[in-house]
N, C-alpha and C. Protein backbone atom coordinates (compact mmCIF):
# COMPACT_ATOMS: atom_id res chain seq x y z
N MET A 1 73.47 88.01 90.75
CA MET A 1 73.31 89.03 91.31
C MET A 1 74.53 89.75 91.18
N ASP A 2 74.98 90.92 91.20
CA ASP A 2 75.61 91.76 91.38
C ASP A 2 75.80 92.77 91.89
N LEU A 3 76.21 92.74 93.16
CA LEU A 3 76.06 93.71 94.24
C LEU A 3 77.43 94.77 93.69
N LEU A 4 76.38 95.82 93.70
CA LEU A 4 77.71 97.40 94.12
C LEU A 4 77.65 98.02 95.02
N LEU A 5 78.63 98.16 96.07
CA LEU A 5 78.71 98.77 96.97
C LEU A 5 79.78 100.21 97.23
N VAL A 6 78.90 101.04 96.87
CA VAL A 6 79.44 102.31 97.19
C VAL A 6 79.37 103.32 98.51
N ARG A 7 80.42 103.93 98.84
CA ARG A 7 80.32 104.30 100.29
C ARG A 7 80.02 105.86 100.10
N HIS A 8 79.30 106.94 101.02
CA HIS A 8 78.83 107.62 100.44
C HIS A 8 80.12 109.07 99.97
N GLY A 9 79.64 110.03 99.37
CA GLY A 9 81.32 111.17 99.02
C GLY A 9 81.64 112.35 99.87
N LYS A 10 82.10 112.81 100.32
CA LYS A 10 82.66 113.51 100.87
C LYS A 10 81.50 114.10 101.53
N ALA A 11 81.11 114.35 102.84
CA ALA A 11 80.50 114.70 103.95
C ALA A 11 81.20 116.22 104.73
N GLU A 12 80.44 117.28 105.37
CA GLU A 12 80.88 118.11 106.40
C GLU A 12 81.35 117.46 107.18
N GLU A 13 82.19 118.24 107.74
CA GLU A 13 83.02 117.62 108.98
C GLU A 13 82.58 117.20 109.77
N ARG A 14 83.03 115.66 110.90
CA ARG A 14 81.58 115.53 111.87
C ARG A 14 82.07 116.18 113.14
N ALA A 15 82.91 116.10 113.52
CA ALA A 15 83.78 117.23 114.58
C ALA A 15 82.85 118.37 114.33
N ALA A 16 83.24 119.29 113.26
CA ALA A 16 82.61 120.63 113.16
C ALA A 16 81.41 120.67 113.26
N PHE A 17 80.23 119.50 112.00
CA PHE A 17 78.89 119.96 112.02
C PHE A 17 78.57 119.07 113.65
N ALA A 18 79.14 118.52 114.59
CA ALA A 18 79.10 118.17 115.82
C ALA A 18 78.62 119.13 117.12
N HIS A 19 79.51 120.02 116.53
CA HIS A 19 80.18 120.82 117.44
C HIS A 19 79.11 122.28 116.90
N ALA A 20 78.57 122.73 116.02
CA ALA A 20 78.08 123.35 115.36
C ALA A 20 76.52 122.94 116.00
N GLY A 21 76.51 121.44 116.53
CA GLY A 21 75.00 121.48 116.74
C GLY A 21 74.18 120.84 116.28
N GLY A 22 74.48 120.25 115.52
CA GLY A 22 73.89 118.98 114.03
C GLY A 22 74.77 117.62 114.41
N ASP A 23 73.04 117.17 114.03
CA ASP A 23 72.78 115.25 114.69
C ASP A 23 73.54 115.07 113.51
N ASP A 24 74.28 114.18 112.84
CA ASP A 24 75.24 113.48 112.67
C ASP A 24 74.61 113.18 111.54
N GLY A 25 72.90 112.65 111.83
CA GLY A 25 72.76 111.29 110.53
C GLY A 25 71.92 112.43 109.54
N LEU A 26 72.26 114.29 109.93
CA LEU A 26 71.90 115.20 109.15
C LEU A 26 72.89 115.79 108.03
N ARG A 27 74.55 115.28 108.61
CA ARG A 27 75.26 115.13 108.01
C ARG A 27 75.48 115.35 106.79
N PRO A 28 74.75 116.28 105.89
CA PRO A 28 75.03 116.80 104.29
C PRO A 28 76.80 116.27 103.47
N LEU A 29 76.57 115.89 101.90
CA LEU A 29 77.37 116.15 101.53
C LEU A 29 78.57 117.49 101.40
N THR A 30 79.49 117.74 101.55
CA THR A 30 79.86 119.21 101.09
C THR A 30 79.60 119.53 98.71
N ALA A 31 79.13 120.63 98.61
CA ALA A 31 79.36 120.89 96.94
C ALA A 31 80.50 119.96 96.39
N GLN A 32 81.98 119.38 97.11
CA GLN A 32 83.03 119.17 96.36
C GLN A 32 82.84 118.19 96.50
N GLY A 33 81.33 117.30 97.84
CA GLY A 33 81.54 115.94 97.55
C GLY A 33 80.15 115.41 96.25
N VAL A 34 79.44 116.36 96.35
CA VAL A 34 78.05 116.43 95.05
C VAL A 34 79.21 116.93 93.90
N LYS A 35 79.63 117.58 93.40
CA LYS A 35 80.79 117.20 92.06
C LYS A 35 80.94 116.15 91.50
N GLN A 36 82.18 115.93 93.29
CA GLN A 36 83.02 114.64 92.96
C GLN A 36 82.27 113.27 92.31
N MET A 37 80.95 113.22 92.87
CA MET A 37 80.34 112.05 93.33
C MET A 37 79.32 112.49 91.97
N ARG A 38 79.19 113.22 91.11
CA ARG A 38 78.53 112.72 90.10
C ARG A 38 79.57 112.99 88.83
N THR A 39 80.64 112.91 88.89
CA THR A 39 81.92 112.65 87.76
C THR A 39 81.77 110.79 88.34
N ALA A 40 81.81 110.47 89.38
CA ALA A 40 82.24 109.24 89.37
C ALA A 40 81.31 108.44 89.50
N VAL A 41 80.27 109.01 88.65
CA VAL A 41 78.97 107.90 88.60
C VAL A 41 79.15 107.75 86.98
N ARG A 42 79.79 109.79 86.32
CA ARG A 42 80.02 108.80 85.47
C ARG A 42 80.66 107.48 85.24
N GLY A 43 82.03 107.97 85.54
CA GLY A 43 82.98 106.33 85.55
C GLY A 43 82.22 105.25 85.75
N LEU A 44 81.55 105.21 87.12
CA LEU A 44 80.54 103.87 88.08
C LEU A 44 80.12 103.19 86.39
N ARG A 45 78.81 104.37 85.74
CA ARG A 45 78.36 103.74 84.28
C ARG A 45 78.95 102.72 83.54
N SER A 46 79.77 103.19 83.28
CA SER A 46 81.14 103.03 82.32
C SER A 46 81.43 101.14 82.72
N LEU A 47 81.51 100.61 83.68
CA LEU A 47 82.18 99.87 84.33
C LEU A 47 80.35 98.76 84.88
N VAL A 48 79.21 99.78 85.31
CA VAL A 48 78.31 99.03 85.49
C VAL A 48 77.06 99.67 84.36
N PRO A 49 76.51 99.27 84.03
CA PRO A 49 76.07 100.16 82.67
C PRO A 49 74.44 100.38 83.11
N HIS A 50 74.00 99.82 84.12
CA HIS A 50 72.56 99.60 84.34
C HIS A 50 72.05 99.56 85.88
N LEU A 51 71.42 100.06 86.92
CA LEU A 51 71.21 99.46 88.14
C LEU A 51 69.62 98.77 88.05
N ASP A 52 69.64 98.00 88.66
CA ASP A 52 68.06 97.41 88.45
C ASP A 52 67.38 97.83 90.08
N LEU A 53 68.33 98.18 91.12
CA LEU A 53 67.81 98.33 92.54
C LEU A 53 69.16 99.20 92.84
N LEU A 54 68.21 100.44 93.88
CA LEU A 54 69.20 101.19 94.17
C LEU A 54 68.82 101.05 95.33
N ALA A 55 69.71 100.89 97.11
CA ALA A 55 69.20 101.54 98.11
C ALA A 55 70.81 101.72 98.98
N ALA A 56 69.75 102.23 99.69
CA ALA A 56 71.01 103.65 100.54
C ALA A 56 70.24 103.41 102.28
N SER A 57 71.47 103.85 103.08
CA SER A 57 71.21 104.02 104.26
C SER A 57 70.09 105.39 104.49
N PRO A 58 69.97 105.61 106.08
CA PRO A 58 69.07 106.69 105.73
C PRO A 58 69.49 107.95 106.33
N LEU A 59 70.92 107.86 106.93
CA LEU A 59 70.96 108.60 107.05
C LEU A 59 71.48 109.63 105.71
N LEU A 60 71.73 110.99 106.23
CA LEU A 60 71.24 112.47 104.92
C LEU A 60 73.17 111.71 103.09
N ARG A 61 73.88 112.03 104.19
CA ARG A 61 74.81 111.96 103.11
C ARG A 61 74.28 111.08 102.27
N ALA A 62 74.58 109.32 102.72
CA ALA A 62 74.36 108.44 102.06
C ALA A 62 72.87 108.63 101.06
N ALA A 63 71.76 109.09 101.56
CA ALA A 63 70.86 109.33 100.77
C ALA A 63 70.88 110.43 99.36
N GLN A 64 71.51 111.25 100.62
CA GLN A 64 72.18 111.88 98.74
C GLN A 64 72.89 111.74 97.63
N THR A 65 74.13 110.82 98.39
CA THR A 65 74.82 109.81 97.31
C THR A 65 74.11 109.48 97.01
N ALA A 66 73.07 108.18 96.98
CA ALA A 66 71.99 107.66 96.33
C ALA A 66 71.46 108.52 95.54
N GLN A 67 70.70 109.37 96.10
CA GLN A 67 70.04 110.21 94.76
C GLN A 67 71.15 110.72 93.76
N ILE A 68 72.10 111.08 93.30
CA ILE A 68 72.98 111.31 92.44
C ILE A 68 73.24 109.91 91.75
N LEU A 69 73.44 108.73 92.19
CA LEU A 69 73.59 107.96 91.66
C LEU A 69 72.03 107.69 90.73
N ALA A 70 71.16 108.01 91.55
CA ALA A 70 69.79 107.64 90.51
C ALA A 70 69.20 108.72 89.63
N GLN A 71 70.47 109.31 89.84
CA GLN A 71 69.48 110.37 87.89
C GLN A 71 71.33 110.35 87.80
N GLY A 72 71.78 110.07 87.61
CA GLY A 72 72.98 108.99 86.31
C GLY A 72 72.14 107.63 85.66
N TYR A 73 71.72 106.85 86.73
CA TYR A 73 70.95 106.30 85.91
C TYR A 73 69.81 105.21 85.87
N GLY A 74 68.32 106.75 86.90
CA GLY A 74 67.58 106.55 86.74
C GLY A 74 67.11 105.81 87.84
N GLY A 75 65.84 105.82 87.91
CA GLY A 75 64.71 104.94 89.12
C GLY A 75 64.55 105.22 90.43
N ASP A 76 64.82 104.78 91.25
CA ASP A 76 63.98 105.60 92.60
C ASP A 76 65.16 104.77 94.03
N VAL A 77 65.01 105.20 94.58
CA VAL A 77 66.11 105.03 95.57
C VAL A 77 65.42 104.54 97.34
N ILE A 78 65.27 103.08 98.66
CA ILE A 78 64.90 102.49 98.80
C ILE A 78 66.00 102.83 99.68
N SER A 79 65.02 103.41 101.06
CA SER A 79 65.87 103.15 101.73
C SER A 79 65.77 101.99 102.50
N VAL A 80 67.48 101.88 103.50
CA VAL A 80 66.95 100.26 103.91
C VAL A 80 67.28 100.90 105.62
N ALA A 81 67.13 100.10 106.53
CA ALA A 81 67.76 100.65 107.95
C ALA A 81 68.81 99.67 108.36
N GLU A 82 68.93 99.05 107.62
CA GLU A 82 70.48 97.35 107.87
C GLU A 82 71.85 98.41 107.15
N LEU A 83 71.49 99.38 106.57
CA LEU A 83 72.94 99.90 106.25
C LEU A 83 73.32 101.35 107.13
N ALA A 84 72.45 101.54 107.74
CA ALA A 84 72.78 103.29 108.59
C ALA A 84 74.09 101.97 109.05
N PRO A 85 74.61 103.06 109.62
CA PRO A 85 75.93 102.73 110.75
C PRO A 85 75.78 101.96 112.03
N GLY A 86 76.25 100.88 112.74
CA GLY A 86 76.02 100.14 113.61
C GLY A 86 75.94 98.46 113.82
N HIS A 87 75.73 98.35 112.12
CA HIS A 87 74.74 96.66 112.30
C HIS A 87 75.34 96.36 111.24
N PRO A 88 75.30 94.67 111.85
CA PRO A 88 76.34 93.63 111.17
C PRO A 88 76.09 93.16 109.76
N PRO A 89 76.66 92.99 109.34
CA PRO A 89 76.50 92.53 108.05
C PRO A 89 75.61 91.77 107.35
N SER A 90 75.31 90.82 108.98
CA SER A 90 73.89 89.25 108.76
C SER A 90 72.97 89.73 109.03
N ALA A 91 72.43 91.46 109.14
CA ALA A 91 71.27 92.16 109.48
C ALA A 91 70.99 92.22 107.75
N LEU A 92 72.03 92.52 107.08
CA LEU A 92 71.29 92.60 105.59
C LEU A 92 71.03 92.08 104.55
N LEU A 93 71.41 90.21 104.76
CA LEU A 93 71.34 89.44 104.90
C LEU A 93 69.73 89.11 104.15
N PRO A 94 68.73 89.51 104.83
CA PRO A 94 67.63 88.73 104.32
C PRO A 94 66.73 89.54 103.90
N TRP A 95 66.88 91.01 103.81
CA TRP A 95 66.79 91.91 102.65
C TRP A 95 67.62 91.87 101.04
N LEU A 96 69.37 91.66 100.62
CA LEU A 96 69.00 90.67 100.00
C LEU A 96 69.01 89.74 99.12
N ARG A 97 68.48 88.66 100.00
CA ARG A 97 67.95 87.06 100.10
C ARG A 97 66.36 87.91 99.16
N GLY A 98 65.79 89.02 99.95
CA GLY A 98 64.77 89.57 99.56
C GLY A 98 64.59 89.97 97.84
N SER A 99 66.56 90.05 97.52
CA SER A 99 66.27 91.14 96.26
C SER A 99 67.10 90.45 95.43
N ALA A 100 66.69 88.75 95.34
CA ALA A 100 67.17 88.19 94.32
C ALA A 100 67.23 87.73 93.34
N GLY A 101 65.80 88.75 93.09
CA GLY A 101 65.37 89.13 91.48
C GLY A 101 65.82 89.97 90.89
N HIS A 102 67.06 90.85 91.65
CA HIS A 102 67.33 91.90 90.30
C HIS A 102 68.42 91.04 90.25
N ARG A 103 68.99 91.69 89.06
CA ARG A 103 70.40 91.16 88.41
C ARG A 103 71.25 91.99 88.91
N VAL A 104 71.22 93.21 89.09
CA VAL A 104 72.39 94.18 89.50
C VAL A 104 72.00 95.17 90.51
N ALA A 105 72.20 95.74 91.82
CA ALA A 105 71.78 95.87 92.69
C ALA A 105 72.93 97.12 93.97
N ALA A 106 72.83 97.94 94.07
CA ALA A 106 73.73 98.95 94.42
C ALA A 106 72.80 99.59 95.55
N LEU A 107 73.88 98.98 96.50
CA LEU A 107 74.29 99.69 98.18
C LEU A 107 74.79 100.57 98.74
N VAL A 108 74.38 101.90 99.09
CA VAL A 108 74.93 103.07 99.65
C VAL A 108 75.22 103.12 100.94
N GLY A 109 76.32 103.29 101.94
CA GLY A 109 76.23 103.18 103.14
C GLY A 109 77.86 103.85 103.44
N HIS A 110 78.42 103.29 104.88
CA HIS A 110 79.05 104.22 105.40
C HIS A 110 79.99 102.75 105.97
N GLU A 111 81.76 103.41 105.83
CA GLU A 111 83.08 102.49 106.77
C GLU A 111 82.53 102.93 107.73
N PRO A 112 82.57 101.94 108.52
CA PRO A 112 83.59 100.49 108.77
C PRO A 112 82.17 99.50 108.02
N ASP A 113 81.73 100.00 107.75
CA ASP A 113 79.93 98.92 107.63
C ASP A 113 80.50 97.92 106.37
N LEU A 114 80.30 99.15 105.41
CA LEU A 114 80.65 98.42 104.44
C LEU A 114 82.01 97.48 103.78
N GLY A 115 82.93 97.82 104.84
CA GLY A 115 84.18 97.21 104.06
C GLY A 115 83.62 95.45 105.19
N LEU A 116 83.53 95.84 105.79
CA LEU A 116 82.89 94.73 106.59
C LEU A 116 82.11 93.62 105.74
N LEU A 117 80.91 94.39 104.85
CA LEU A 117 80.27 93.57 104.54
C LEU A 117 81.49 92.82 103.52
N ALA A 118 81.62 93.86 102.77
CA ALA A 118 82.08 93.62 101.79
C ALA A 118 83.31 91.75 102.20
N SER A 119 83.84 92.23 102.87
CA SER A 119 85.22 91.09 103.62
C SER A 119 83.79 89.91 104.01
N TRP A 120 82.82 90.02 104.39
CA TRP A 120 81.86 88.97 105.04
C TRP A 120 81.20 88.14 103.99
N LEU A 121 81.10 89.30 102.57
CA LEU A 121 80.56 88.38 101.81
C LEU A 121 81.50 87.52 100.57
N LEU A 122 82.73 88.46 100.96
CA LEU A 122 83.93 87.55 99.77
C LEU A 122 84.52 86.53 100.48
N ALA A 123 84.61 86.68 101.92
CA ALA A 123 85.68 85.41 102.64
C ALA A 123 85.20 85.16 103.91
N GLY A 124 83.59 85.41 104.03
CA GLY A 124 82.82 84.57 105.73
C GLY A 124 83.82 85.50 106.87
N SER A 125 84.45 86.84 106.58
CA SER A 125 84.77 87.33 107.34
C SER A 125 84.64 88.34 108.82
N GLN A 126 84.99 88.15 109.45
CA GLN A 126 84.11 88.84 110.82
C GLN A 126 84.59 89.97 110.97
N ARG A 127 85.97 90.12 110.11
CA ARG A 127 87.29 91.37 110.21
C ARG A 127 86.91 91.86 108.96
N SER A 128 87.39 93.52 109.00
CA SER A 128 87.31 94.34 107.37
C SER A 128 88.71 94.05 107.18
N PHE A 129 89.12 93.46 106.19
CA PHE A 129 89.75 93.90 104.93
C PHE A 129 89.54 94.30 103.44
N MET A 130 88.73 94.97 103.51
CA MET A 130 87.74 95.59 101.75
C MET A 130 87.27 96.93 102.81
N PRO A 131 88.18 98.24 103.36
CA PRO A 131 87.75 99.39 103.71
C PRO A 131 88.16 99.79 102.39
N LEU A 132 86.60 100.44 101.63
CA LEU A 132 86.12 101.63 100.91
C LEU A 132 86.51 102.80 101.53
N LYS A 133 87.19 103.98 100.46
CA LYS A 133 87.44 105.53 100.37
C LYS A 133 86.07 106.00 100.33
N LYS A 134 85.81 107.35 100.82
CA LYS A 134 84.45 108.14 100.63
C LYS A 134 84.25 108.31 99.22
N GLY A 135 83.08 108.06 98.50
CA GLY A 135 83.45 107.89 97.16
C GLY A 135 83.69 106.67 96.12
N GLY A 136 84.82 105.64 96.51
CA GLY A 136 84.70 104.95 95.75
C GLY A 136 84.08 103.31 95.92
N ALA A 137 83.87 102.35 95.42
CA ALA A 137 83.24 101.14 94.86
C ALA A 137 83.84 100.20 94.78
N CYS A 138 82.93 98.61 95.12
CA CYS A 138 83.03 97.60 94.61
C CYS A 138 82.27 96.83 94.14
N LEU A 139 82.88 96.17 93.17
CA LEU A 139 81.89 95.23 92.93
C LEU A 139 82.12 93.46 93.14
N ILE A 140 81.09 93.08 94.19
CA ILE A 140 80.40 91.52 94.25
C ILE A 140 79.60 90.63 93.26
N HIS A 141 79.53 89.93 92.63
CA HIS A 141 79.75 88.90 92.30
C HIS A 141 79.53 87.68 92.96
N PHE A 142 77.98 87.43 92.96
CA PHE A 142 76.90 85.78 92.89
C PHE A 142 76.60 84.93 91.66
N ASP A 143 77.23 83.52 92.00
CA ASP A 143 76.36 82.62 91.17
C ASP A 143 75.34 81.98 92.61
N GLY A 144 74.10 82.42 91.80
CA GLY A 144 73.44 82.11 93.10
C GLY A 144 72.65 83.01 94.50
N ALA A 145 72.78 82.27 95.52
CA ALA A 145 72.21 82.95 96.36
C ALA A 145 73.45 83.62 96.97
N VAL A 146 72.68 85.22 97.59
CA VAL A 146 73.65 85.93 98.41
C VAL A 146 74.22 85.58 99.40
N LYS A 147 75.09 84.97 99.72
CA LYS A 147 75.73 83.99 101.06
C LYS A 147 77.30 84.61 101.26
N GLU A 148 77.10 84.29 102.55
CA GLU A 148 78.74 84.53 103.04
C GLU A 148 79.24 83.95 102.77
N GLY A 149 80.99 84.73 101.90
CA GLY A 149 81.80 83.91 101.92
C GLY A 149 81.62 83.17 100.47
N ARG A 150 80.60 83.50 99.44
CA ARG A 150 80.31 82.66 98.47
C ARG A 150 80.48 84.05 97.36
N GLY A 151 80.67 85.29 97.80
CA GLY A 151 80.78 86.36 96.78
C GLY A 151 82.16 85.68 95.80
N VAL A 152 82.22 86.92 95.01
CA VAL A 152 84.08 87.03 93.57
C VAL A 152 83.86 88.43 93.36
N LEU A 153 85.05 88.70 93.86
CA LEU A 153 85.10 90.38 93.70
C LEU A 153 84.99 90.51 92.36
N GLY A 154 84.47 91.54 91.89
CA GLY A 154 84.61 91.78 90.19
C GLY A 154 85.88 92.99 89.82
N TRP A 155 85.47 94.34 90.89
CA TRP A 155 86.91 95.04 91.32
C TRP A 155 86.18 95.98 92.58
N ALA A 156 87.91 96.57 92.78
CA ALA A 156 87.15 97.74 93.63
C ALA A 156 88.59 98.40 93.39
N LEU A 157 87.65 99.93 93.38
CA LEU A 157 88.37 101.27 92.52
C LEU A 157 87.89 102.70 93.39
N GLY A 158 88.67 103.32 93.76
CA GLY A 158 88.34 104.13 94.77
C GLY A 158 88.09 105.50 94.00
N PRO A 159 88.00 106.48 94.90
CA PRO A 159 86.83 107.48 94.02
C PRO A 159 87.74 108.55 92.87
N THR A 160 89.12 108.45 93.79
CA THR A 160 90.04 109.08 92.39
C THR A 160 89.82 108.44 90.99
N GLN A 161 90.15 107.37 91.40
CA GLN A 161 90.13 106.54 89.96
C GLN A 161 89.00 106.21 88.97
N LEU A 162 87.21 106.45 90.18
CA LEU A 162 85.96 106.44 89.31
C LEU A 162 85.89 107.49 88.61
N ARG A 163 86.51 108.53 89.53
CA ARG A 163 86.52 110.15 88.01
C ARG A 163 86.88 110.13 87.09
N ALA A 164 88.14 110.00 87.39
CA ALA A 164 89.18 109.95 86.15
C ALA A 164 88.64 108.44 84.63
N LEU A 165 88.09 107.65 85.38
CA LEU A 165 86.49 107.24 84.61
C LEU A 165 85.77 107.88 83.63
N GLY A 166 85.07 108.30 84.69
CA GLY A 166 84.44 109.72 84.31
C GLY A 166 83.97 110.32 83.64
N ARG A 167 85.41 111.10 83.60
CA ARG A 167 86.31 113.05 82.79
C ARG A 167 86.36 112.30 81.47
């Protein structure tokens, strides 16, 4: 299985949104964030031509990012509660193992959780050594079962690099 981890695109500023009384779970992507993610998805498609499964955190900014991926790749988005902020990487493992029949799965989420998930899958580390920028992504390959410390990094790219590939 190949696992594509994607951090949500640029969203409204947290402090300003909260000051206006907004719930962080409903904080949307900015217009610029939407535009940048559309270009980044074209770059992602040059690296990962198809997705068999697309899952996202239930928070709006991640769900919107996943919808942009779904528009670029086709298919539907599954909301996975364990991709919301604050869940340890191990909480996602049962879901990942249940998805093992898929060749390429994409997960859209948040920092610091995605970086921690990547670090845990690659090296079994409980500390993140691989943070993802907003709109950035990485590809982790597994020969066999998805398990901590068993992943092999295919690539990790920032949003600017992905957008350059999509132009």
